[in-house]
Amino acid sequence: MFGCIVAGRLVQTNLLQVDVNKFTFQLDDAENINHIVVFLLGTIPFQTGFAATVHLLWPNKTWQLLGMHFD
């Protein structure tokens, strides 16, 4: 459903489903990340009326909203 690119790394599609509507990516070596892209793969489209938000959680911090997509 989603893909993630960290600058200088290969595309990640190995997300982990942690709830019925929540998914996470494990980003190794997080202290050296300066750009992240999260995108829909297009294999499973959103149903009409659904939306997505992207949040980021650094170790020992709180969730930060990065962006939203509405269909």
C-alpha atoms as a PDB file:
ATOM      1  CA  MET A   1       0.000   0.000   0.000  1.00  0.00           C
ATOM      2  CA  PHE A   2       2.747   2.503   0.977  1.00  0.00           C
ATOM      3  CA  GLY A   3       6.376   3.022   0.089  1.00  0.00           C
ATOM      4  CA  CYS A   4       9.061   5.032   1.844  1.00  0.00           C
ATOM      5  CA  ILE A   5      12.303   6.515   0.530  1.00  0.00           C
ATOM      6  CA  VAL A   6      15.034   7.847   2.782  1.00  0.00           C
ATOM      7  CA  ALA A   7      17.603   9.955   0.898  1.00  0.00           C
ATOM      8  CA  GLY A   8      20.492   7.767  -0.263  1.00  0.00           C
ATOM      9  CA  ARG A   9      18.704   4.470   0.451  1.00  0.00           C
ATOM     10  CA  LEU A  10      16.601   1.968  -1.471  1.00  0.00           C
ATOM     11  CA  VAL A  11      12.799   2.141  -1.507  1.00  0.00           C
ATOM     12  CA  GLN A  12      11.185   0.431   1.497  1.00  0.00           C
ATOM     13  CA  THR A  13       7.854  -1.343   1.119  1.00  0.00           C
ATOM     14  CA  ASN A  14       8.190  -3.561   4.198  1.00  0.00           C
ATOM     15  CA  LEU A  15       5.760  -1.735   6.441  1.00  0.00           C
ATOM     16  CA  LEU A  16       4.445  -3.311   9.600  1.00  0.00           C
ATOM     17  CA  GLN A  17       0.697  -3.225  10.316  1.00  0.00           C
ATOM     18  CA  VAL A  18       0.292  -2.302  13.996  1.00  0.00           C
ATOM     19  CA  ASP A  19      -3.499  -1.793  14.010  1.00  0.00           C
ATOM     20  CA  VAL A  20      -6.413  -2.194  11.601  1.00  0.00           C
ATOM     21  CA  ASN A  21      -5.617   1.205  10.032  1.00  0.00           C
ATOM     22  CA  LYS A  22      -2.072   1.942  11.246  1.00  0.00           C
ATOM     23  CA  PHE A  23       1.225   1.031   9.609  1.00  0.00           C
ATOM     24  CA  THR A  24       4.859   1.780  10.460  1.00  0.00           C
ATOM     25  CA  PHE A  25       8.245   1.722   8.754  1.00  0.00           C
ATOM     26  CA  GLN A  26      11.384   0.937  10.766  1.00  0.00           C
ATOM     27  CA  LEU A  27      14.019   3.502   9.736  1.00  0.00           C
ATOM     28  CA  ASP A  28      17.487   2.406  10.799  1.00  0.00           C
ATOM     29  CA  ASP A  29      20.257   4.912  11.563  1.00  0.00           C
ATOM     30  CA  ALA A  30      17.581   7.607  12.132  1.00  0.00           C
ATOM     31  CA  GLU A  31      20.036  10.223  13.396  1.00  0.00           C
ATOM     32  CA  ASN A  32      21.518  10.429   9.873  1.00  0.00           C
ATOM     33  CA  ILE A  33      18.216  10.892   7.983  1.00  0.00           C
ATOM     34  CA  ASN A  34      17.669  14.294   6.384  1.00  0.00           C
ATOM     35  CA  HIS A  35      14.878  13.618   3.838  1.00  0.00           C
ATOM     36  CA  ILE A  36      11.956  11.152   3.835  1.00  0.00           C
ATOM     37  CA  VAL A  37       9.314  10.525   1.168  1.00  0.00           C
ATOM     38  CA  VAL A  38       6.188   8.452   1.901  1.00  0.00           C
ATOM     39  CA  PHE A  39       3.901   7.580  -1.004  1.00  0.00           C
ATOM     40  CA  LEU A  40       1.040   5.333  -2.115  1.00  0.00           C
ATOM     41  CA  LEU A  41       2.180   2.418  -4.278  1.00  0.00           C
ATOM     42  CA  GLY A  42      -1.110   2.413  -6.202  1.00  0.00           C
ATOM     43  CA  THR A  43      -1.644  -1.309  -5.663  1.00  0.00           C
ATOM     44  CA  ILE A  44      -4.499  -0.701  -3.202  1.00  0.00           C
ATOM     45  CA  PRO A  45      -6.371   2.573  -3.852  1.00  0.00           C
ATOM     46  CA  PHE A  46      -8.099   4.521  -1.113  1.00  0.00           C
ATOM     47  CA  GLN A  47     -11.847   4.190  -0.989  1.00  0.00           C
ATOM     48  CA  THR A  48     -13.778   7.390  -1.703  1.00  0.00           C
ATOM     49  CA  GLY A  49     -14.075   9.472   1.442  1.00  0.00           C
ATOM     50  CA  PHE A  50     -10.978   7.997   3.104  1.00  0.00           C
ATOM     51  CA  ALA A  51      -7.852   9.945   4.020  1.00  0.00           C
ATOM     52  CA  ALA A  52      -4.319   9.317   5.256  1.00  0.00           C
ATOM     53  CA  THR A  53      -1.978  11.179   7.559  1.00  0.00           C
ATOM     54  CA  VAL A  54       1.774  10.742   7.862  1.00  0.00           C
ATOM     55  CA  HIS A  55       3.360  11.050  11.301  1.00  0.00           C
ATOM     56  CA  LEU A  56       6.982  10.807  12.401  1.00  0.00           C
ATOM     57  CA  LEU A  57       8.190   9.482  15.749  1.00  0.00           C
ATOM     58  CA  TRP A  58      11.825   9.983  16.747  1.00  0.00           C
ATOM     59  CA  PRO A  59      13.086   7.907  19.673  1.00  0.00           C
ATOM     60  CA  ASN A  60      11.924   9.346  23.017  1.00  0.00           C
ATOM     61  CA  LYS A  61       9.822  12.071  21.346  1.00  0.00           C
ATOM     62  CA  THR A  62       6.132  12.582  20.571  1.00  0.00           C
ATOM     63  CA  TRP A  63       4.408  11.931  17.240  1.00  0.00           C
ATOM     64  CA  GLN A  64       4.684  14.800  14.720  1.00  0.00           C
ATOM     65  CA  LEU A  65       2.174  15.284  11.892  1.00  0.00           C
ATOM     66  CA  LEU A  66       4.015  15.609   8.562  1.00  0.00           C
ATOM     67  CA  GLY A  67       1.129  15.719   6.102  1.00  0.00           C
ATOM     68  CA  MET A  68      -2.292  14.528   4.932  1.00  0.00           C
ATOM     69  CA  HIS A  69      -3.955  13.141   1.816  1.00  0.00           C
ATOM     70  CA  PHE A  70      -7.713  13.279   1.211  1.00  0.00           C
ATOM     71  CA  ASP A  71      -9.505  11.427  -1.552  1.00  0.00           C
END
